[in-house]
Amino acid sequence: MDLAKALTQFNPHTATPEALAAQVVVWAQEAQRLQEQADLVARQRQEIHLKDTKIKALTLELAYHKRIKFCSTSEAFTAQQRDLFNETQETDLNAMQAELEQLSSTPRVKAKPTGRKPLPAELPRVEQRHEPDSCACGACGHTLVKIGEDITEQLDVEPARFFVQRHIRPQYACRHCETITAAAIPAAIIDGGLATPSLHAWVVIQKYLDHLPLYRIEQISTRHGVTISRSTLAEWIGRIGVALQPLADRLIELLKQRTVLHADETPVPQLDPGKGKTKRAYLWAYRSNNLEPDAPIVVFEFQPNRSGAHAQNFLADWQGHLMVDDYADYKKLLKTGVTELACLAHARRKFFDLHAANQHPVTEEALQRIAELYRIESEAQDYSIEERQRWRAEHAKPRLDAMHLWLIQLRKSSAEGSALSKAIDYSLKRWPAFTRYADSGHLPIDNNPIENAIRPIALGKKNWLFAGSERAGKRAAAIQTLLATAKANEIEPYAWLKETLEKLPTCPNSRIDELLPLRT
């Protein structure tokens, strides 16, 4: 209704009192409706203003985070910090993008294919067919004819599902000799136990690969309607650890047969009940060489301290090339028959820390020279040992010689005791060990493989906090040895452990190698 027009057309002098009252009510209702519309428009304008403001803020924040992601130097963080930072950053970026899509009135543009890897072919497929509501054409009514299919695949998961395995063994009697026959009960790690090997494997993976304390595993099982007490879980872990120890010992024997090894160590808190606090123990780590064709082996050894005597005892009769950091106690291993290899990544780190502090132009050149050496290694990644040796001799060796001369000249002009002189001295002091790899085709350039093996342990410490005892530490080291070796061999740890726990009770010692998590 046009209220202004209605007012001009209405003549109050000719209208009856009843008509006048009715008209006033109509006008009042119309005035209220117009006021409500005006209020609605005002609210919508305010909402649009707030939405535009939020979109602008989110757009700026998104651009800022993208700039951090793609423009910052990743080594501003430690490896552990970088992993957590990248995870959080990816989550935040996607959350902000989703918020922008919710606020925007324009429909989302479907992203172009990004070359995403196809879903693994070995995963089971559960088909769901989606047929039209009618087999008749909606336009003309004729019967539709199938001309093809549009197939899309989505990854799905079924959370931990507890169920009961019922083992039924019929008993048969012989009337003639009065004997009873029944199928034998299969041997198990824990005779008469509550759990199957699958459940045992699940608990071990949760504790040692996903780094969940037993009380969290107890909470997970309770949430699924099954109460498994911590004492029961602890019993399983203890018995399984004893059963798996021979496999870990065998991996140690096989590792010592290799002629090139990586070594490193990481601190592990150990509970000290007598003092009511924790003390610092160490997990020593050893790894085989990636550049040789044999299956990789990772070994962990738990020790109460960082004394170099532990490494000396572990490698007492071993001979070969040993990749280690500059820890002084490793020097005692460098006896006759053991040749030192130094980690080029550690040398690079010295220059990087100095460059990050003051953008020193000399350190920038050092980083560029080392980056060139890594580029050469990357290009030879798929070469044979002989091809890599020729490649290194042609490309890496001349650059290393030039860098050595450059460092010597640079040291002469560096102030004694300065940060730059210390970084240079770190490289020059161990230069033969740093460059020894370039004379071969199978020696590694750095100690990154063992550091990558240790990294999950370092992250896991945030969850399990400490080893409860020295025995618990040694048990964890043995199980971590098996799981880390399985991962290094690209073997799915749970599937391997489940099968191993099924076979282990009846496997003779002479065939124990068949159970090891090594690729064939």
Protein backbone atom coordinates (compact mmCIF):
# COMPACT_ATOMS: atom_id res chain seq x y z
CA MET A 1 0.00 0.00 0.00
CA ASP A 2 1.14 3.52 -0.85
CA LEU A 3 0.47 5.25 2.48
CA ALA A 4 1.00 8.81 1.16
CA LYS A 5 -1.45 8.29 -1.73
CA ALA A 6 -4.03 6.70 0.56
CA LEU A 7 -3.87 9.71 2.88
CA THR A 8 -4.52 12.21 0.04
CA GLN A 9 -7.46 10.21 -1.31
CA PHE A 10 -9.17 9.79 2.05
CA ASN A 11 -11.76 12.49 2.98
CA PRO A 12 -12.33 12.53 6.75
CA HIS A 13 -15.34 14.90 6.42
CA THR A 14 -17.46 12.40 4.49
CA ALA A 15 -16.34 9.26 6.32
CA THR A 16 -18.38 7.74 9.10
CA PRO A 17 -16.81 7.41 12.54
CA GLU A 18 -16.58 3.62 12.07
CA ALA A 19 -14.86 3.96 8.67
CA LEU A 20 -12.51 6.55 10.10
CA ALA A 21 -11.52 4.25 12.99
CA ALA A 22 -11.00 1.32 10.65
CA GLN A 23 -8.89 3.42 8.31
CA VAL A 24 -6.72 4.65 11.20
CA VAL A 25 -6.05 1.00 12.21
CA VAL A 26 -5.04 0.15 8.62
CA TRP A 27 -2.74 3.15 8.46
CA ALA A 28 -1.17 2.27 11.82
CA GLN A 29 -0.51 -1.31 10.66
CA GLU A 30 0.98 -0.07 7.42
CA ALA A 31 3.17 2.41 9.30
CA GLN A 32 4.37 -0.39 11.58
CA ARG A 33 5.14 -2.60 8.56
CA LEU A 34 7.12 0.19 6.96
CA GLN A 35 9.05 0.75 10.19
CA GLU A 36 9.84 -2.97 10.42
CA GLN A 37 11.10 -2.92 6.84
CA ALA A 38 13.27 0.08 7.61
CA ASP A 39 14.67 -1.66 10.70
CA LEU A 40 15.33 -4.81 8.63
CA VAL A 41 17.18 -2.81 5.98
CA ALA A 42 19.26 -1.14 8.69
CA ARG A 43 20.14 -4.52 10.26
CA GLN A 44 21.02 -5.99 6.88
CA ARG A 45 23.26 -3.02 6.11
CA GLN A 46 24.96 -3.49 9.47
CA GLU A 47 25.40 -7.24 8.86
CA ILE A 48 26.81 -6.55 5.38
CA HIS A 49 29.20 -4.01 6.87
CA LEU A 50 30.33 -6.49 9.55
CA LYS A 51 30.66 -9.26 6.98
CA ASP A 52 32.70 -7.05 4.64
CA THR A 53 34.91 -6.03 7.55
CA LYS A 54 35.43 -9.66 8.56
CA ILE A 55 36.15 -10.70 4.96
CA LYS A 56 38.78 -7.96 4.67
CA ALA A 57 40.35 -9.02 7.98
CA LEU A 58 40.37 -12.70 7.00
CA THR A 59 41.77 -11.87 3.56
CA LEU A 60 44.63 -9.93 5.14
CA GLU A 61 45.27 -12.67 7.70
CA LEU A 62 45.22 -15.34 4.99
CA ALA A 63 47.70 -13.38 2.88
CA TYR A 64 49.94 -12.92 5.92
CA HIS A 65 49.97 -16.65 6.73
CA LYS A 66 50.60 -17.56 3.10
CA ARG A 67 53.52 -15.12 3.05
CA ILE A 68 54.94 -16.79 6.17
CA LYS A 69 54.46 -20.23 4.66
CA PHE A 70 56.05 -19.56 1.31
CA CYS A 71 58.58 -16.84 2.10
CA SER A 72 60.04 -17.66 5.51
CA THR A 73 63.13 -19.76 5.96
CA SER A 74 62.08 -23.10 7.41
CA GLU A 75 65.26 -23.50 9.41
CA ALA A 76 64.18 -20.71 11.73
CA PHE A 77 62.71 -23.58 13.73
CA THR A 78 64.06 -26.88 14.94
CA ALA A 79 62.91 -29.95 13.03
CA GLN A 80 60.33 -30.76 15.71
CA GLN A 81 59.07 -27.18 15.86
CA ARG A 82 58.89 -27.03 12.07
CA ASP A 83 56.74 -30.17 11.92
CA LEU A 84 54.30 -28.79 14.49
CA PHE A 85 54.34 -25.32 12.90
CA ASN A 86 53.57 -26.65 9.41
CA GLU A 87 50.75 -28.80 10.77
CA THR A 88 49.18 -25.87 12.61
CA GLN A 89 49.71 -23.52 9.68
CA GLU A 90 48.02 -25.85 7.18
CA THR A 91 45.07 -26.22 9.55
CA ASP A 92 44.76 -22.46 10.02
CA LEU A 93 45.02 -21.69 6.30
CA ASN A 94 42.25 -24.14 5.46
CA ALA A 95 40.09 -22.89 8.33
CA MET A 96 40.43 -19.29 7.13
CA GLN A 97 39.62 -20.33 3.56
CA ALA A 98 36.50 -22.12 4.78
CA GLU A 99 35.41 -19.05 6.77
CA LEU A 100 35.86 -16.84 3.69
CA GLU A 101 33.74 -19.24 1.62
CA GLN A 102 30.99 -19.13 4.26
CA LEU A 103 31.02 -15.34 4.35
CA SER A 104 31.22 -14.88 0.58
CA SER A 105 27.95 -14.78 -1.37
CA THR A 106 29.60 -16.18 -4.50
CA PRO A 107 29.62 -19.98 -4.92
CA ARG A 108 32.91 -21.76 -4.44
CA VAL A 109 34.84 -22.38 -7.64
CA LYS A 110 35.79 -26.04 -7.93
CA ALA A 111 39.56 -26.36 -7.66
CA LYS A 112 41.49 -27.70 -10.60
CA PRO A 113 43.07 -31.16 -10.20
CA THR A 114 46.40 -30.85 -8.38
CA GLY A 115 48.00 -34.15 -9.34
CA ARG A 116 46.89 -35.80 -6.11
CA LYS A 117 48.10 -39.36 -5.71
CA PRO A 118 45.42 -41.97 -6.43
CA LEU A 119 44.08 -43.89 -3.47
CA PRO A 120 46.06 -47.11 -2.83
CA ALA A 121 44.90 -49.92 -5.10
CA GLU A 122 45.25 -52.50 -2.32
CA LEU A 123 42.57 -50.86 -0.16
CA PRO A 124 39.20 -52.66 -0.27
CA ARG A 125 36.49 -50.90 -2.23
CA VAL A 126 32.89 -50.62 -0.97
CA GLU A 127 30.65 -49.67 -3.89
CA GLN A 128 27.60 -47.46 -3.50
CA ARG A 129 25.45 -47.10 -6.60
CA HIS A 130 23.37 -43.95 -7.00
CA GLU A 131 20.55 -44.42 -9.53
CA PRO A 132 18.22 -41.65 -10.79
CA ASP A 133 14.79 -41.41 -9.12
CA SER A 134 13.14 -42.60 -12.33
CA CYS A 135 14.25 -44.62 -15.37
CA ALA A 136 12.03 -42.47 -17.61
CA CYS A 137 13.22 -39.29 -19.30
CA GLY A 138 12.00 -36.23 -17.46
CA ALA A 139 11.59 -34.34 -20.75
CA CYS A 140 9.72 -36.80 -22.99
CA GLY A 141 8.93 -39.83 -20.81
CA HIS A 142 10.86 -42.39 -22.85
CA THR A 143 12.99 -45.08 -21.18
CA LEU A 144 16.56 -44.02 -20.32
CA VAL A 145 19.52 -45.98 -21.74
CA LYS A 146 22.80 -46.32 -19.81
CA ILE A 147 25.69 -44.80 -21.76
CA GLY A 148 28.45 -44.76 -19.15
CA GLU A 149 29.36 -44.20 -15.50
CA ASP A 150 30.86 -41.37 -13.48
CA ILE A 151 33.07 -42.89 -10.76
CA THR A 152 34.55 -40.92 -7.88
CA GLU A 153 36.45 -42.34 -4.92
CA GLN A 154 36.59 -41.05 -1.35
CA LEU A 155 38.73 -42.33 1.48
CA ASP A 156 36.79 -43.67 4.47
CA VAL A 157 37.76 -45.14 7.82
CA GLU A 158 36.19 -47.41 10.42
CA PRO A 159 37.36 -46.53 13.95
CA ALA A 160 38.73 -49.21 16.26
CA ARG A 161 36.05 -51.91 16.41
CA PHE A 162 36.15 -54.41 19.23
CA PHE A 163 34.56 -57.80 18.70
CA VAL A 164 34.84 -61.29 20.16
CA GLN A 165 36.51 -64.22 18.41
CA ARG A 166 34.71 -67.42 19.40
CA HIS A 167 36.85 -70.53 18.99
CA ILE A 168 34.71 -73.66 18.88
CA ARG A 169 36.52 -77.01 18.99
CA PRO A 170 34.19 -79.96 18.73
CA GLN A 171 35.27 -83.02 20.72
CA TYR A 172 34.98 -86.46 19.18
CA ALA A 173 35.09 -89.77 21.04
CA CYS A 174 36.06 -93.21 19.83
CA ARG A 175 33.65 -95.81 21.17
CA HIS A 176 36.12 -98.57 20.46
CA CYS A 177 39.19 -97.32 22.40
CA GLU A 178 37.39 -94.66 24.45
CA THR A 179 39.69 -91.78 23.40
CA ILE A 180 38.68 -88.19 22.84
CA THR A 181 39.96 -86.13 19.89
CA ALA A 182 39.77 -82.34 19.44
CA ALA A 183 41.69 -79.68 17.51
CA ALA A 184 44.78 -78.45 19.30
CA ILE A 185 44.77 -74.98 20.84
CA PRO A 186 47.23 -72.82 18.84
CA ALA A 187 50.30 -71.63 20.73
CA ALA A 188 50.19 -67.98 21.79
CA ILE A 189 52.47 -65.36 23.26
CA ILE A 190 50.24 -65.36 26.37
CA ASP A 191 48.67 -68.79 26.94
CA GLY A 192 44.99 -68.59 27.80
CA GLY A 193 45.07 -64.83 27.34
CA LEU A 194 42.09 -62.58 26.80
CA ALA A 195 43.39 -60.93 23.62
CA THR A 196 44.16 -62.08 20.09
CA PRO A 197 47.47 -61.25 18.36
CA SER A 198 45.57 -58.49 16.51
CA LEU A 199 44.64 -56.77 19.76
CA HIS A 200 48.15 -57.23 21.16
CA ALA A 201 49.58 -55.64 18.01
CA TRP A 202 47.10 -52.75 18.24
CA VAL A 203 48.11 -51.99 21.84
CA VAL A 204 51.83 -52.11 20.99
CA ILE A 205 51.37 -49.79 18.00
CA GLN A 206 49.32 -47.37 20.10
CA LYS A 207 51.99 -47.24 22.80
CA TYR A 208 55.23 -47.30 20.85
CA LEU A 209 54.37 -45.91 17.41
CA ASP A 210 51.58 -43.47 18.30
CA HIS A 211 53.22 -42.74 21.69
CA LEU A 212 50.06 -43.08 23.79
CA PRO A 213 50.44 -43.87 27.50
CA LEU A 214 48.54 -46.91 28.75
CA TYR A 215 45.95 -44.80 30.55
CA ARG A 216 44.94 -43.22 27.23
CA ILE A 217 44.66 -46.66 25.59
CA GLU A 218 42.46 -47.66 28.53
CA GLN A 219 40.27 -44.61 27.90
CA ILE A 220 39.98 -45.44 24.18
CA SER A 221 38.87 -49.02 24.86
CA THR A 222 36.38 -47.85 27.51
CA ARG A 223 34.94 -45.34 25.07
CA HIS A 224 34.22 -48.26 22.72
CA GLY A 225 32.43 -50.18 25.45
CA VAL A 226 35.31 -52.49 26.45
CA THR A 227 37.16 -52.01 29.73
CA ILE A 228 40.79 -53.15 29.56
CA SER A 229 42.53 -52.19 32.77
CA ARG A 230 45.95 -50.63 32.79
CA SER A 231 47.31 -53.57 34.75
CA THR A 232 46.17 -55.93 32.00
CA LEU A 233 47.66 -53.68 29.30
CA ALA A 234 50.91 -53.51 31.26
CA GLU A 235 51.02 -57.31 31.50
CA TRP A 236 50.56 -57.63 27.75
CA ILE A 237 53.29 -55.12 27.01
CA GLY A 238 55.73 -56.81 29.38
CA ARG A 239 55.21 -60.29 27.95
CA ILE A 240 55.18 -59.11 24.34
CA GLY A 241 58.43 -57.21 24.94
CA VAL A 242 60.12 -60.37 26.19
CA ALA A 243 58.82 -62.36 23.22
CA LEU A 244 60.07 -59.78 20.70
CA GLN A 245 63.51 -59.29 22.25
CA PRO A 246 65.16 -62.10 20.20
CA LEU A 247 64.08 -60.35 16.98
CA ALA A 248 65.63 -57.08 18.12
CA ASP A 249 68.83 -58.91 19.14
CA ARG A 250 69.02 -60.49 15.70
CA LEU A 251 68.68 -57.08 14.02
CA ILE A 252 71.62 -55.87 16.14
CA GLU A 253 73.69 -58.81 14.88
CA LEU A 254 72.79 -58.06 11.27
CA LEU A 255 73.47 -54.34 11.71
CA LYS A 256 77.00 -55.02 12.92
CA GLN A 257 77.68 -56.91 9.70
CA ARG A 258 77.31 -53.66 7.73
CA THR A 259 80.43 -51.62 6.98
CA VAL A 260 78.86 -48.14 7.05
CA LEU A 261 76.81 -47.00 10.06
CA HIS A 262 75.16 -43.85 11.38
CA ALA A 263 75.17 -43.18 15.14
CA ASP A 264 73.48 -40.59 17.34
CA GLU A 265 71.79 -40.29 20.71
CA THR A 266 68.86 -38.46 22.29
CA PRO A 267 68.07 -37.80 25.97
CA VAL A 268 65.14 -39.67 27.52
CA PRO A 269 63.76 -38.85 31.00
CA GLN A 270 63.75 -41.89 33.29
CA LEU A 271 61.78 -42.06 36.51
CA ASP A 272 63.94 -42.10 39.63
CA PRO A 273 61.55 -43.41 42.33
CA GLY A 274 64.05 -43.00 45.15
CA LYS A 275 64.20 -39.24 44.60
CA GLY A 276 60.63 -38.73 43.42
CA LYS A 277 61.68 -37.16 40.13
CA THR A 278 63.20 -38.04 36.78
CA LYS A 279 66.81 -38.35 35.73
CA ARG A 280 68.35 -38.08 32.28
CA ALA A 281 68.92 -41.36 30.47
CA TYR A 282 69.80 -41.77 26.78
CA LEU A 283 68.51 -43.64 23.78
CA TRP A 284 71.45 -44.48 21.52
CA ALA A 285 70.54 -44.96 17.89
CA TYR A 286 72.34 -46.76 15.07
CA ARG A 287 71.32 -47.07 11.44
CA SER A 288 72.59 -48.75 8.32
CA ASN A 289 73.56 -46.84 5.19
CA ASN A 290 70.86 -45.81 2.71
CA LEU A 291 73.24 -45.75 -0.25
CA GLU A 292 73.89 -49.49 -0.18
CA PRO A 293 71.46 -52.05 -1.61
CA ASP A 294 70.85 -54.02 1.61
CA ALA A 295 67.59 -53.60 3.51
CA PRO A 296 67.85 -50.73 6.03
CA ILE A 297 68.13 -51.51 9.75
CA VAL A 298 67.48 -49.13 12.66
CA VAL A 299 68.57 -50.10 16.19
CA PHE A 300 67.90 -48.32 19.48
CA GLU A 301 69.73 -49.04 22.72
CA PHE A 302 68.63 -47.62 26.09
CA GLN A 303 71.39 -46.64 28.51
CA PRO A 304 71.33 -44.79 31.85
CA ASN A 305 73.69 -42.01 30.71
CA ARG A 306 75.61 -40.52 27.77
CA SER A 307 78.94 -42.17 28.50
CA GLY A 308 80.82 -43.04 25.33
CA ALA A 309 81.54 -46.43 26.88
CA HIS A 310 78.09 -47.57 25.76
CA ALA A 311 78.84 -46.89 22.11
CA GLN A 312 82.27 -48.50 22.53
CA ASN A 313 80.69 -51.64 23.98
CA PHE A 314 78.02 -51.77 21.28
CA LEU A 315 80.60 -51.45 18.47
CA ALA A 316 83.41 -53.29 20.29
CA ASP A 317 84.46 -55.58 17.42
CA TRP A 318 82.94 -53.63 14.56
CA GLN A 319 84.99 -52.07 11.74
CA GLY A 320 83.98 -49.71 8.96
CA HIS A 321 82.94 -46.10 8.32
CA LEU A 322 81.02 -44.43 11.16
CA MET A 323 78.95 -41.25 10.61
CA VAL A 324 78.77 -39.29 13.89
CA ASP A 325 78.58 -35.75 15.22
CA ASP A 326 81.41 -33.99 17.05
CA TYR A 327 80.64 -35.53 20.45
CA ALA A 328 84.04 -36.13 22.08
CA ASP A 329 83.30 -39.67 23.31
CA TYR A 330 82.77 -40.84 19.73
CA LYS A 331 86.47 -40.11 19.13
CA LYS A 332 87.38 -43.12 21.28
CA LEU A 333 85.69 -45.31 18.67
CA LEU A 334 87.98 -44.05 15.93
CA LYS A 335 90.50 -46.78 16.47
CA THR A 336 92.15 -48.97 13.89
CA GLY A 337 89.54 -50.22 11.49
CA VAL A 338 86.96 -47.47 12.22
CA THR A 339 86.98 -44.41 9.93
CA GLU A 340 85.15 -41.21 10.83
CA LEU A 341 82.53 -39.59 8.62
CA ALA A 342 81.31 -36.10 9.54
CA CYS A 343 77.83 -34.71 8.93
CA LEU A 344 77.79 -31.86 6.40
CA ALA A 345 74.36 -30.79 7.70
CA HIS A 346 75.96 -30.02 11.08
CA ALA A 347 78.60 -27.84 9.40
CA ARG A 348 75.89 -26.07 7.45
CA ARG A 349 73.97 -25.43 10.68
CA LYS A 350 76.88 -23.48 12.14
CA PHE A 351 76.86 -21.07 9.20
CA PHE A 352 73.08 -20.92 9.10
CA ASP A 353 72.81 -19.89 12.76
CA LEU A 354 75.31 -17.09 12.13
CA HIS A 355 73.54 -16.01 8.95
CA ALA A 356 70.15 -15.95 10.71
CA ALA A 357 71.61 -13.75 13.45
CA ASN A 358 73.16 -10.96 11.33
CA GLN A 359 72.79 -11.83 7.61
CA HIS A 360 76.57 -12.02 7.24
CA PRO A 361 77.47 -12.07 3.49
CA VAL A 362 80.28 -14.58 4.07
CA THR A 363 77.89 -17.06 5.68
CA GLU A 364 75.50 -16.62 2.77
CA GLU A 365 78.26 -17.73 0.38
CA ALA A 366 79.06 -20.70 2.63
CA LEU A 367 75.42 -21.75 2.55
CA GLN A 368 75.32 -21.44 -1.23
CA ARG A 369 78.43 -23.59 -1.59
CA ILE A 370 76.96 -26.30 0.64
CA ALA A 371 73.62 -26.09 -1.16
CA GLU A 372 75.44 -26.79 -4.42
CA LEU A 373 76.94 -29.95 -2.89
CA TYR A 374 73.47 -31.13 -1.85
CA ARG A 375 72.13 -30.39 -5.34
CA ILE A 376 74.83 -32.64 -6.76
CA GLU A 377 73.81 -35.39 -4.32
CA SER A 378 70.16 -35.00 -5.22
CA GLU A 379 70.86 -35.46 -8.92
CA ALA A 380 72.74 -38.69 -8.18
CA GLN A 381 70.05 -40.12 -5.94
CA ASP A 382 69.08 -42.94 -8.31
CA TYR A 383 72.60 -43.69 -9.57
CA SER A 384 74.42 -46.95 -8.95
CA ILE A 385 77.38 -46.87 -6.56
CA GLU A 386 79.84 -46.80 -9.45
CA GLU A 387 77.94 -44.05 -11.28
CA ARG A 388 77.66 -41.98 -8.10
CA GLN A 389 81.39 -42.31 -7.44
CA ARG A 390 82.22 -40.97 -10.91
CA TRP A 391 79.64 -38.20 -10.52
CA ARG A 392 81.03 -37.09 -7.17
CA ALA A 393 84.60 -37.14 -8.48
CA GLU A 394 83.60 -34.95 -11.40
CA HIS A 395 81.28 -32.49 -9.64
CA ALA A 396 81.53 -32.63 -5.82
CA LYS A 397 85.28 -33.11 -5.35
CA PRO A 398 86.34 -29.90 -7.19
CA ARG A 399 83.78 -27.85 -5.27
CA LEU A 400 84.93 -29.27 -1.95
CA ASP A 401 88.57 -28.47 -2.78
CA ALA A 402 87.62 -24.91 -3.74
CA MET A 403 85.59 -24.50 -0.58
CA HIS A 404 88.50 -25.76 1.54
CA LEU A 405 90.85 -23.12 0.10
CA TRP A 406 88.18 -20.45 0.52
CA LEU A 407 87.67 -21.35 4.21
CA ILE A 408 91.43 -21.31 4.89
CA GLN A 409 91.79 -17.82 3.40
CA LEU A 410 88.67 -16.63 5.17
CA ARG A 411 89.94 -17.89 8.51
CA LYS A 412 93.08 -15.76 8.22
CA SER A 413 91.00 -12.60 8.12
CA SER A 414 88.50 -13.64 10.82
CA ALA A 415 88.81 -12.28 14.33
CA GLU A 416 89.99 -14.83 16.85
CA GLY A 417 87.15 -16.08 19.01
CA SER A 418 84.44 -14.59 16.80
CA ALA A 419 81.32 -16.57 15.85
CA LEU A 420 82.52 -16.70 12.24
CA SER A 421 85.93 -18.10 13.20
CA LYS A 422 84.23 -20.78 15.34
CA ALA A 423 81.99 -21.82 12.45
CA ILE A 424 84.99 -22.03 10.12
CA ASP A 425 87.08 -23.93 12.68
CA TYR A 426 84.29 -26.50 13.11
CA SER A 427 84.56 -27.35 9.42
CA LEU A 428 88.33 -27.13 9.03
CA LYS A 429 89.02 -29.23 12.13
CA ARG A 430 87.10 -32.20 10.66
CA TRP A 431 87.55 -31.44 6.97
CA PRO A 432 88.85 -34.91 5.96
CA ALA A 433 85.84 -36.49 7.66
CA PHE A 434 83.45 -34.05 5.97
CA THR A 435 84.83 -34.70 2.48
CA ARG A 436 85.54 -38.42 2.68
CA TYR A 437 82.19 -39.26 1.13
CA ALA A 438 83.21 -37.64 -2.18
CA ASP A 439 85.91 -40.25 -2.77
CA SER A 440 83.32 -43.02 -2.86
CA GLY A 441 79.94 -43.85 -4.29
CA HIS A 442 78.39 -45.40 -1.19
CA LEU A 443 79.33 -43.20 1.79
CA PRO A 444 76.64 -40.76 3.06
CA ILE A 445 77.00 -36.97 3.02
CA ASP A 446 75.29 -36.39 6.38
CA ASN A 447 73.71 -37.99 9.42
CA ASN A 448 70.13 -37.08 8.50
CA PRO A 449 68.90 -40.71 8.16
CA ILE A 450 69.52 -41.44 11.85
CA GLU A 451 68.15 -38.06 12.92
CA ASN A 452 64.96 -38.79 10.97
CA ALA A 453 64.68 -42.12 12.78
CA ILE A 454 65.10 -40.41 16.16
CA ARG A 455 62.63 -37.59 15.47
CA PRO A 456 59.44 -39.60 16.26
CA ILE A 457 60.99 -40.55 19.61
CA ALA A 458 61.70 -36.91 20.39
CA LEU A 459 58.11 -35.94 19.56
CA GLY A 460 56.72 -38.91 21.48
CA LYS A 461 58.45 -37.82 24.68
CA LYS A 462 55.91 -35.01 24.92
CA ASN A 463 53.23 -37.67 25.42
CA TRP A 464 54.76 -40.40 27.56
CA LEU A 465 56.99 -37.95 29.50
CA PHE A 466 59.47 -40.52 30.91
CA ALA A 467 60.57 -44.16 30.95
CA GLY A 468 59.32 -45.80 34.12
CA SER A 469 62.49 -47.82 34.73
CA GLU A 470 65.66 -48.99 33.04
CA ARG A 471 63.93 -52.26 32.15
CA ALA A 472 61.04 -50.31 30.59
CA GLY A 473 63.55 -48.22 28.62
CA LYS A 474 65.31 -51.32 27.27
CA ARG A 475 61.97 -52.91 26.36
CA ALA A 476 60.91 -49.73 24.55
CA ALA A 477 64.24 -49.64 22.70
CA ALA A 478 63.78 -53.23 21.49
CA ILE A 479 60.23 -52.63 20.26
CA GLN A 480 61.16 -49.29 18.70
CA THR A 481 64.00 -51.08 16.91
CA LEU A 482 61.53 -53.42 15.22
CA LEU A 483 58.94 -50.76 14.38
CA ALA A 484 61.48 -48.24 13.08
CA THR A 485 63.10 -50.92 10.92
CA ALA A 486 59.69 -51.87 9.51
CA LYS A 487 59.00 -48.23 8.62
CA ALA A 488 62.45 -47.86 7.03
CA ASN A 489 61.66 -50.89 4.87
CA GLU A 490 58.24 -49.45 3.93
CA ILE A 491 56.49 -52.32 5.73
CA GLU A 492 53.20 -51.46 7.45
CA PRO A 493 54.10 -51.94 11.15
CA TYR A 494 50.71 -53.15 12.43
CA ALA A 495 50.28 -55.80 9.72
CA TRP A 496 53.85 -57.03 10.28
CA LEU A 497 53.50 -57.16 14.06
CA LYS A 498 50.14 -58.96 13.94
CA GLU A 499 51.53 -61.66 11.64
CA THR A 500 54.72 -61.94 13.70
CA LEU A 501 52.85 -62.41 16.99
CA GLU A 502 50.82 -65.16 15.33
CA LYS A 503 53.89 -67.02 14.04
CA LEU A 504 56.42 -66.33 16.80
CA PRO A 505 55.27 -68.96 19.36
CA THR A 506 55.93 -71.83 16.94
CA CYS A 507 58.88 -70.38 15.01
CA PRO A 508 62.20 -72.14 15.70
CA ASN A 509 65.28 -70.01 16.34
CA SER A 510 66.83 -71.29 13.11
CA ARG A 511 64.09 -69.52 11.11
CA ILE A 512 63.85 -66.31 13.10
CA ASP A 513 65.17 -64.27 10.15
CA GLU A 514 61.91 -65.00 8.34
CA LEU A 515 60.05 -62.89 10.90
CA LEU A 516 62.30 -59.81 10.72
CA PRO A 517 60.76 -56.64 9.24
CA LEU A 518 63.20 -56.50 6.32
CA ARG A 519 62.27 -56.16 2.69
CA THR A 520 63.25 -59.10 0.54
